[in-house]
Amino acid sequence: MPSCLFRLCLILVVLAVVTPAQALPTVFNTDATFLAAAGGGLTSEGFESAVPGTPTSITFPGGTFSCTGSTYCPGFFGISTMFHDTGSQSVYFATPDTATFTFGSPINAFGVAIGGAGDVAPITLTAGLSNGNAAPVLTNYTGPFTVFDTNRQYFGIIDTLPFTSLTFSGSNSGDGIFFDTMSFGTAGTATDGLAPVPEPGTLLLFASSGLLGFSSAAWKRWRPRQP
């Protein structure tokens, strides 16, 4: 019995030391800080060549923008030529429906300008990533309906895990939200965040096997001799 307890304690120590905690995504609220952290190599998208795919989806080079819900999409969802941050077009949706950017290949960095949020009521806007992580975009934010003028916000995120889609959801209803000046890709070097890393389970297997062998030998030396 003591030998089993000794081994169990060692296994728990290995679990605590070897299994790494998943790092949270880093969030940025200005273009400059996000782009500086992400480095070169990101793809810029101003939705100038975006086109409708279906009543609830829009295609752009590298991915799609889609709407899920039954309150405003289809309906208040699409491509706007009235409001834009750069160029002549942006894309938009309205809460409580959700909007999703989906990319053709995994990325770990995403940034976008947001216009017109919080004009109907304070909004808490969140972004959910396909890798299971989530991040705050706006928290209890109120702004006028001066899209990309005096009401321009920015959201950027860099994650240690790759993702292929990102979904925006808001806490209020009837809030028209516009997106433009988007950047996406891989932060840092060509493999940062997307390179294979040793599986924690593999590390644990080797470490626990070694410690179990050590514990067995140590217990044999340490245990009291029977009379």
C-alpha atoms as a PDB file:
ATOM      1  CA  MET A   1       0.000   0.000   0.000  1.00  0.00           C
ATOM      2  CA  PRO A   2       2.681   2.593   0.867  1.00  0.00           C
ATOM      3  CA  SER A   3       4.406   1.793  -2.442  1.00  0.00           C
ATOM      4  CA  CYS A   4       1.195   2.526  -4.375  1.00  0.00           C
ATOM      5  CA  LEU A   5       0.687   5.796  -2.530  1.00  0.00           C
ATOM      6  CA  PHE A   6       4.284   6.792  -3.198  1.00  0.00           C
ATOM      7  CA  ARG A   7       3.882   6.143  -6.916  1.00  0.00           C
ATOM      8  CA  LEU A   8       0.554   7.981  -7.043  1.00  0.00           C
ATOM      9  CA  CYS A   9       2.104  11.070  -5.450  1.00  0.00           C
ATOM     10  CA  LEU A  10       4.909  11.050  -8.001  1.00  0.00           C
ATOM     11  CA  ILE A  11       2.430  10.768 -10.876  1.00  0.00           C
ATOM     12  CA  LEU A  12       0.468  13.748  -9.538  1.00  0.00           C
ATOM     13  CA  VAL A  13       3.674  15.762  -9.333  1.00  0.00           C
ATOM     14  CA  VAL A  14       4.436  14.882 -12.972  1.00  0.00           C
ATOM     15  CA  LEU A  15       0.969  15.952 -14.037  1.00  0.00           C
ATOM     16  CA  ALA A  16       1.406  19.305 -12.321  1.00  0.00           C
ATOM     17  CA  VAL A  17       4.869  19.924 -13.781  1.00  0.00           C
ATOM     18  CA  VAL A  18       4.644  18.445 -17.283  1.00  0.00           C
ATOM     19  CA  THR A  19       1.117  19.406 -18.349  1.00  0.00           C
ATOM     20  CA  PRO A  20       1.321  23.059 -19.438  1.00  0.00           C
ATOM     21  CA  ALA A  21      -1.475  25.542 -18.875  1.00  0.00           C
ATOM     22  CA  GLN A  22      -2.957  26.782 -22.137  1.00  0.00           C
ATOM     23  CA  ALA A  23      -1.977  30.408 -22.706  1.00  0.00           C
ATOM     24  CA  LEU A  24      -4.819  32.851 -23.209  1.00  0.00           C
ATOM     25  CA  PRO A  25      -5.000  34.822 -26.471  1.00  0.00           C
ATOM     26  CA  THR A  26      -3.513  38.321 -26.479  1.00  0.00           C
ATOM     27  CA  VAL A  27      -6.030  41.060 -27.322  1.00  0.00           C
ATOM     28  CA  PHE A  28      -5.232  44.461 -28.854  1.00  0.00           C
ATOM     29  CA  ASN A  29      -7.456  47.527 -29.175  1.00  0.00           C
ATOM     30  CA  THR A  30      -5.484  49.583 -31.698  1.00  0.00           C
ATOM     31  CA  ASP A  31      -4.260  48.888 -35.212  1.00  0.00           C
ATOM     32  CA  ALA A  32      -0.731  49.966 -34.355  1.00  0.00           C
ATOM     33  CA  THR A  33      -0.199  47.677 -31.369  1.00  0.00           C
ATOM     34  CA  PHE A  34      -1.729  44.668 -33.123  1.00  0.00           C
ATOM     35  CA  LEU A  35       0.258  45.075 -36.335  1.00  0.00           C
ATOM     36  CA  ALA A  36       3.485  45.677 -34.421  1.00  0.00           C
ATOM     37  CA  ALA A  37       2.993  42.509 -32.398  1.00  0.00           C
ATOM     38  CA  ALA A  38       1.894  40.409 -35.377  1.00  0.00           C
ATOM     39  CA  GLY A  39       4.849  41.376 -37.543  1.00  0.00           C
ATOM     40  CA  GLY A  40       4.865  41.199 -41.314  1.00  0.00           C
ATOM     41  CA  GLY A  41       3.212  38.692 -43.546  1.00  0.00           C
ATOM     42  CA  LEU A  42      -0.450  39.281 -42.694  1.00  0.00           C
ATOM     43  CA  THR A  43      -3.058  39.536 -45.434  1.00  0.00           C
ATOM     44  CA  SER A  44      -4.935  42.845 -45.619  1.00  0.00           C
ATOM     45  CA  GLU A  45      -8.608  42.807 -46.607  1.00  0.00           C
ATOM     46  CA  GLY A  46     -10.763  45.864 -47.259  1.00  0.00           C
ATOM     47  CA  PHE A  47     -13.708  43.924 -48.750  1.00  0.00           C
ATOM     48  CA  GLU A  48     -13.384  45.794 -52.027  1.00  0.00           C
ATOM     49  CA  SER A  49     -13.798  42.562 -53.978  1.00  0.00           C
ATOM     50  CA  ALA A  50     -16.260  40.924 -51.564  1.00  0.00           C
ATOM     51  CA  VAL A  51     -19.345  39.472 -53.217  1.00  0.00           C
ATOM     52  CA  PRO A  52     -22.544  37.853 -51.900  1.00  0.00           C
ATOM     53  CA  GLY A  53     -22.455  34.073 -51.884  1.00  0.00           C
ATOM     54  CA  THR A  54     -25.889  33.371 -50.395  1.00  0.00           C
ATOM     55  CA  PRO A  55     -28.387  35.612 -48.556  1.00  0.00           C
ATOM     56  CA  THR A  56     -26.420  34.905 -45.369  1.00  0.00           C
ATOM     57  CA  SER A  57     -22.840  34.675 -46.630  1.00  0.00           C
ATOM     58  CA  ILE A  58     -20.267  36.835 -48.371  1.00  0.00           C
ATOM     59  CA  THR A  59     -17.045  35.666 -49.963  1.00  0.00           C
ATOM     60  CA  PHE A  60     -13.757  37.561 -49.975  1.00  0.00           C
ATOM     61  CA  PRO A  61     -10.253  36.464 -51.007  1.00  0.00           C
ATOM     62  CA  GLY A  62      -9.176  33.942 -48.389  1.00  0.00           C
ATOM     63  CA  GLY A  63     -12.487  33.275 -46.690  1.00  0.00           C
ATOM     64  CA  THR A  64     -16.146  34.015 -46.025  1.00  0.00           C
ATOM     65  CA  PHE A  65     -18.229  36.283 -43.809  1.00  0.00           C
ATOM     66  CA  SER A  66     -21.549  34.755 -42.721  1.00  0.00           C
ATOM     67  CA  CYS A  67     -24.513  35.488 -40.501  1.00  0.00           C
ATOM     68  CA  THR A  68     -26.398  33.101 -38.223  1.00  0.00           C
ATOM     69  CA  GLY A  69     -29.770  33.890 -36.674  1.00  0.00           C
ATOM     70  CA  SER A  70     -33.330  34.727 -37.662  1.00  0.00           C
ATOM     71  CA  THR A  71     -33.831  38.295 -36.436  1.00  0.00           C
ATOM     72  CA  TYR A  72     -31.859  40.313 -38.971  1.00  0.00           C
ATOM     73  CA  CYS A  73     -30.218  37.815 -41.295  1.00  0.00           C
ATOM     74  CA  PRO A  74     -31.056  37.566 -44.012  1.00  0.00           C
ATOM     75  CA  GLY A  75     -32.140  41.187 -44.108  1.00  0.00           C
ATOM     76  CA  PHE A  76     -29.803  43.549 -42.289  1.00  0.00           C
ATOM     77  CA  PHE A  77     -26.636  41.798 -43.407  1.00  0.00           C
ATOM     78  CA  GLY A  78     -24.341  42.286 -46.337  1.00  0.00           C
ATOM     79  CA  ILE A  79     -21.912  44.657 -48.040  1.00  0.00           C
ATOM     80  CA  SER A  80     -22.155  48.383 -47.358  1.00  0.00           C
ATOM     81  CA  THR A  81     -21.047  51.053 -49.812  1.00  0.00           C
ATOM     82  CA  MET A  82     -22.347  53.807 -47.514  1.00  0.00           C
ATOM     83  CA  PHE A  83     -20.018  53.158 -44.564  1.00  0.00           C
ATOM     84  CA  HIS A  84     -16.366  52.199 -44.939  1.00  0.00           C
ATOM     85  CA  ASP A  85     -13.134  52.687 -43.050  1.00  0.00           C
ATOM     86  CA  THR A  86     -10.876  52.342 -46.076  1.00  0.00           C
ATOM     87  CA  GLY A  87     -11.735  51.933 -49.723  1.00  0.00           C
ATOM     88  CA  SER A  88     -15.399  51.970 -50.645  1.00  0.00           C
ATOM     89  CA  GLN A  89     -16.954  48.909 -48.949  1.00  0.00           C
ATOM     90  CA  SER A  90     -17.417  47.232 -45.597  1.00  0.00           C
ATOM     91  CA  VAL A  91     -19.442  44.258 -44.343  1.00  0.00           C
ATOM     92  CA  TYR A  92     -22.076  44.345 -41.616  1.00  0.00           C
ATOM     93  CA  PHE A  93     -24.573  42.448 -39.466  1.00  0.00           C
ATOM     94  CA  ALA A  94     -26.875  43.201 -36.537  1.00  0.00           C
ATOM     95  CA  THR A  95     -27.270  41.695 -33.078  1.00  0.00           C
ATOM     96  CA  PRO A  96     -28.664  39.479 -31.593  1.00  0.00           C
ATOM     97  CA  ASP A  97     -27.639  37.443 -34.656  1.00  0.00           C
ATOM     98  CA  THR A  98     -23.992  36.414 -34.867  1.00  0.00           C
ATOM     99  CA  ALA A  99     -21.397  36.991 -37.566  1.00  0.00           C
ATOM    100  CA  THR A 100     -18.551  34.627 -38.435  1.00  0.00           C
ATOM    101  CA  PHE A 101     -15.337  35.076 -40.385  1.00  0.00           C
ATOM    102  CA  THR A 102     -14.139  31.724 -41.753  1.00  0.00           C
ATOM    103  CA  PHE A 103     -10.734  31.327 -43.384  1.00  0.00           C
ATOM    104  CA  GLY A 104      -9.487  28.863 -45.955  1.00  0.00           C
ATOM    105  CA  SER A 105      -6.436  27.901 -43.891  1.00  0.00           C
ATOM    106  CA  PRO A 106      -5.516  28.121 -40.178  1.00  0.00           C
ATOM    107  CA  ILE A 107      -4.403  31.473 -38.799  1.00  0.00           C
ATOM    108  CA  ASN A 108      -3.376  32.697 -35.362  1.00  0.00           C
ATOM    109  CA  ALA A 109      -3.663  36.468 -35.833  1.00  0.00           C
ATOM    110  CA  PHE A 110      -6.750  38.515 -36.700  1.00  0.00           C
ATOM    111  CA  GLY A 111      -7.506  42.232 -36.559  1.00  0.00           C
ATOM    112  CA  VAL A 112     -10.424  44.348 -37.765  1.00  0.00           C
ATOM    113  CA  ALA A 113     -11.881  47.853 -37.491  1.00  0.00           C
ATOM    114  CA  ILE A 114     -15.386  48.014 -35.999  1.00  0.00           C
ATOM    115  CA  GLY A 115     -17.839  50.825 -36.697  1.00  0.00           C
ATOM    116  CA  GLY A 116     -21.204  51.871 -35.305  1.00  0.00           C
ATOM    117  CA  ALA A 117     -21.381  49.566 -32.287  1.00  0.00           C
ATOM    118  CA  GLY A 118     -23.340  50.427 -29.155  1.00  0.00           C
ATOM    119  CA  ASP A 119     -25.625  53.074 -30.621  1.00  0.00           C
ATOM    120  CA  VAL A 120     -28.919  51.406 -29.611  1.00  0.00           C
ATOM    121  CA  ALA A 121     -27.817  50.252 -26.150  1.00  0.00           C
ATOM    122  CA  PRO A 122     -24.583  49.417 -24.336  1.00  0.00           C
ATOM    123  CA  ILE A 123     -23.051  46.347 -25.935  1.00  0.00           C
ATOM    124  CA  THR A 124     -20.714  43.642 -24.744  1.00  0.00           C
ATOM    125  CA  LEU A 125     -19.271  42.063 -27.867  1.00  0.00           C
ATOM    126  CA  THR A 126     -17.299  38.841 -27.704  1.00  0.00           C
ATOM    127  CA  ALA A 127     -15.303  36.805 -30.192  1.00  0.00           C
ATOM    128  CA  GLY A 128     -15.368  33.013 -30.073  1.00  0.00           C
ATOM    129  CA  LEU A 129     -12.581  31.150 -31.863  1.00  0.00           C
ATOM    130  CA  SER A 130     -12.929  27.745 -33.489  1.00  0.00           C
ATOM    131  CA  ASN A 131     -10.127  26.439 -31.243  1.00  0.00           C
ATOM    132  CA  GLY A 132     -12.380  26.901 -28.204  1.00  0.00           C
ATOM    133  CA  ASN A 133     -10.869  30.143 -26.929  1.00  0.00           C
ATOM    134  CA  ALA A 134     -12.842  33.382 -26.560  1.00  0.00           C
ATOM    135  CA  ALA A 135     -11.947  37.023 -26.041  1.00  0.00           C
ATOM    136  CA  PRO A 136     -13.724  40.281 -25.154  1.00  0.00           C
ATOM    137  CA  VAL A 137     -14.107  42.730 -28.032  1.00  0.00           C
ATOM    138  CA  LEU A 138     -16.168  45.516 -26.412  1.00  0.00           C
ATOM    139  CA  THR A 139     -17.392  45.637 -22.821  1.00  0.00           C
ATOM    140  CA  ASN A 140     -20.549  47.617 -21.969  1.00  0.00           C
ATOM    141  CA  TYR A 141     -19.676  49.999 -24.791  1.00  0.00           C
ATOM    142  CA  THR A 142     -21.888  52.899 -25.921  1.00  0.00           C
ATOM    143  CA  GLY A 143     -21.246  54.929 -29.062  1.00  0.00           C
ATOM    144  CA  PRO A 144     -23.070  57.069 -31.641  1.00  0.00           C
ATOM    145  CA  PHE A 145     -24.101  55.819 -35.051  1.00  0.00           C
ATOM    146  CA  THR A 146     -21.203  57.579 -36.729  1.00  0.00           C
ATOM    147  CA  VAL A 147     -19.791  54.508 -38.413  1.00  0.00           C
ATOM    148  CA  PHE A 148     -15.967  54.570 -38.678  1.00  0.00           C
ATOM    149  CA  ASP A 149     -16.028  58.304 -37.943  1.00  0.00           C
ATOM    150  CA  THR A 150     -16.196  59.172 -34.249  1.00  0.00           C
ATOM    151  CA  ASN A 151     -17.352  55.627 -33.495  1.00  0.00           C
ATOM    152  CA  ARG A 152     -14.467  53.493 -34.665  1.00  0.00           C
ATOM    153  CA  GLN A 153     -13.106  50.689 -32.485  1.00  0.00           C
ATOM    154  CA  TYR A 154     -10.465  48.102 -33.202  1.00  0.00           C
ATOM    155  CA  PHE A 155     -10.113  44.476 -32.206  1.00  0.00           C
ATOM    156  CA  GLY A 156      -6.997  42.402 -32.698  1.00  0.00           C
ATOM    157  CA  ILE A 157      -6.149  38.961 -31.355  1.00  0.00           C
ATOM    158  CA  ILE A 158      -3.070  36.732 -31.462  1.00  0.00           C
ATOM    159  CA  ASP A 159      -3.417  33.188 -30.168  1.00  0.00           C
ATOM    160  CA  THR A 160      -0.870  30.480 -29.436  1.00  0.00           C
ATOM    161  CA  LEU A 161      -3.242  27.970 -31.048  1.00  0.00           C
ATOM    162  CA  PRO A 162      -4.379  28.168 -34.674  1.00  0.00           C
ATOM    163  CA  PHE A 163      -8.009  28.752 -35.582  1.00  0.00           C
ATOM    164  CA  THR A 164     -10.006  28.755 -38.807  1.00  0.00           C
ATOM    165  CA  SER A 165     -13.023  30.830 -37.788  1.00  0.00           C
ATOM    166  CA  LEU A 166     -14.024  33.597 -35.426  1.00  0.00           C
ATOM    167  CA  THR A 167     -17.608  34.423 -34.388  1.00  0.00           C
ATOM    168  CA  PHE A 168     -18.814  37.784 -33.056  1.00  0.00           C
ATOM    169  CA  SER A 169     -21.816  37.853 -30.725  1.00  0.00           C
ATOM    170  CA  GLY A 170     -23.352  40.819 -28.913  1.00  0.00           C
ATOM    171  CA  SER A 171     -25.390  41.293 -25.758  1.00  0.00           C
ATOM    172  CA  ASN A 172     -27.955  43.741 -27.139  1.00  0.00           C
ATOM    173  CA  SER A 173     -30.446  43.677 -30.011  1.00  0.00           C
ATOM    174  CA  GLY A 174     -30.787  45.754 -33.164  1.00  0.00           C
ATOM    175  CA  ASP A 175     -27.197  46.999 -33.092  1.00  0.00           C
ATOM    176  CA  GLY A 176     -25.806  47.349 -36.599  1.00  0.00           C
ATOM    177  CA  ILE A 177     -22.076  46.564 -36.581  1.00  0.00           C
ATOM    178  CA  PHE A 178     -19.731  47.165 -39.515  1.00  0.00           C
ATOM    179  CA  PHE A 179     -16.310  45.599 -40.178  1.00  0.00           C
ATOM    180  CA  ASP A 180     -13.520  46.885 -42.384  1.00  0.00           C
ATOM    181  CA  THR A 181      -9.703  47.139 -42.664  1.00  0.00           C
ATOM    182  CA  MET A 182      -9.141  43.510 -41.686  1.00  0.00           C
ATOM    183  CA  SER A 183      -5.765  41.791 -41.312  1.00  0.00           C
ATOM    184  CA  PHE A 184      -5.283  38.064 -40.837  1.00  0.00           C
ATOM    185  CA  GLY A 185      -2.618  35.384 -41.048  1.00  0.00           C
ATOM    186  CA  THR A 186       0.225  34.017 -38.964  1.00  0.00           C
ATOM    187  CA  ALA A 187       1.883  36.260 -36.397  1.00  0.00           C
ATOM    188  CA  GLY A 188       5.657  36.565 -36.364  1.00  0.00           C
ATOM    189  CA  THR A 189       7.622  34.133 -38.490  1.00  0.00           C
ATOM    190  CA  ALA A 190       6.069  31.791 -41.001  1.00  0.00           C
ATOM    191  CA  THR A 191       5.554  29.082 -38.386  1.00  0.00           C
ATOM    192  CA  ASP A 192       4.919  30.988 -35.153  1.00  0.00           C
ATOM    193  CA  GLY A 193       1.855  29.628 -33.387  1.00  0.00           C
ATOM    194  CA  LEU A 194       1.263  26.991 -36.048  1.00  0.00           C
ATOM    195  CA  ALA A 195       4.386  24.826 -35.709  1.00  0.00           C
ATOM    196  CA  PRO A 196       3.929  21.337 -34.269  1.00  0.00           C
ATOM    197  CA  VAL A 197       4.857  21.052 -30.614  1.00  0.00           C
ATOM    198  CA  PRO A 198       5.439  17.923 -28.501  1.00  0.00           C
ATOM    199  CA  GLU A 199       2.179  16.480 -27.299  1.00  0.00           C
ATOM    200  CA  PRO A 200       1.779  16.915 -23.509  1.00  0.00           C
ATOM    201  CA  GLY A 201       0.530  13.315 -23.363  1.00  0.00           C
ATOM    202  CA  THR A 202       3.755  12.070 -24.935  1.00  0.00           C
ATOM    203  CA  LEU A 203       5.878  14.063 -22.518  1.00  0.00           C
ATOM    204  CA  LEU A 204       3.796  12.785 -19.650  1.00  0.00           C
ATOM    205  CA  LEU A 205       4.140   9.188 -20.803  1.00  0.00           C
ATOM    206  CA  PHE A 206       7.935   9.341 -20.842  1.00  0.00           C
ATOM    207  CA  ALA A 207       8.212  11.333 -17.628  1.00  0.00           C
ATOM    208  CA  SER A 208       5.762   9.211 -15.659  1.00  0.00           C
ATOM    209  CA  SER A 209       7.331   5.955 -16.908  1.00  0.00           C
ATOM    210  CA  GLY A 210      10.733   7.123 -15.792  1.00  0.00           C
ATOM    211  CA  LEU A 211       9.517   8.283 -12.418  1.00  0.00           C
ATOM    212  CA  LEU A 212       7.588   5.087 -11.866  1.00  0.00           C
ATOM    213  CA  GLY A 213      10.734   3.081 -12.467  1.00  0.00           C
ATOM    214  CA  PHE A 214      12.640   5.373 -10.146  1.00  0.00           C
ATOM    215  CA  SER A 215       9.919   5.171  -7.484  1.00  0.00           C
ATOM    216  CA  SER A 216       9.935   1.377  -7.559  1.00  0.00           C
ATOM    217  CA  ALA A 217      13.689   1.215  -7.073  1.00  0.00           C
ATOM    218  CA  ALA A 218      13.646   3.935  -4.434  1.00  0.00           C
ATOM    219  CA  TRP A 219      10.872   2.210  -2.492  1.00  0.00           C
ATOM    220  CA  LYS A 220      12.772  -1.047  -2.456  1.00  0.00           C
ATOM    221  CA  ARG A 221      15.760   0.715  -0.936  1.00  0.00           C
ATOM    222  CA  TRP A 222      13.743   2.815   1.479  1.00  0.00           C
ATOM    223  CA  ARG A 223      11.075   0.395   2.800  1.00  0.00           C
ATOM    224  CA  PRO A 224      11.635  -1.094   6.258  1.00  0.00           C
ATOM    225  CA  ARG A 225      13.128  -4.569   6.342  1.00  0.00           C
ATOM    226  CA  GLN A 226      10.757  -7.249   7.516  1.00  0.00           C
ATOM    227  CA  PRO A 227      11.910  -8.991  10.743  1.00  0.00           C
END
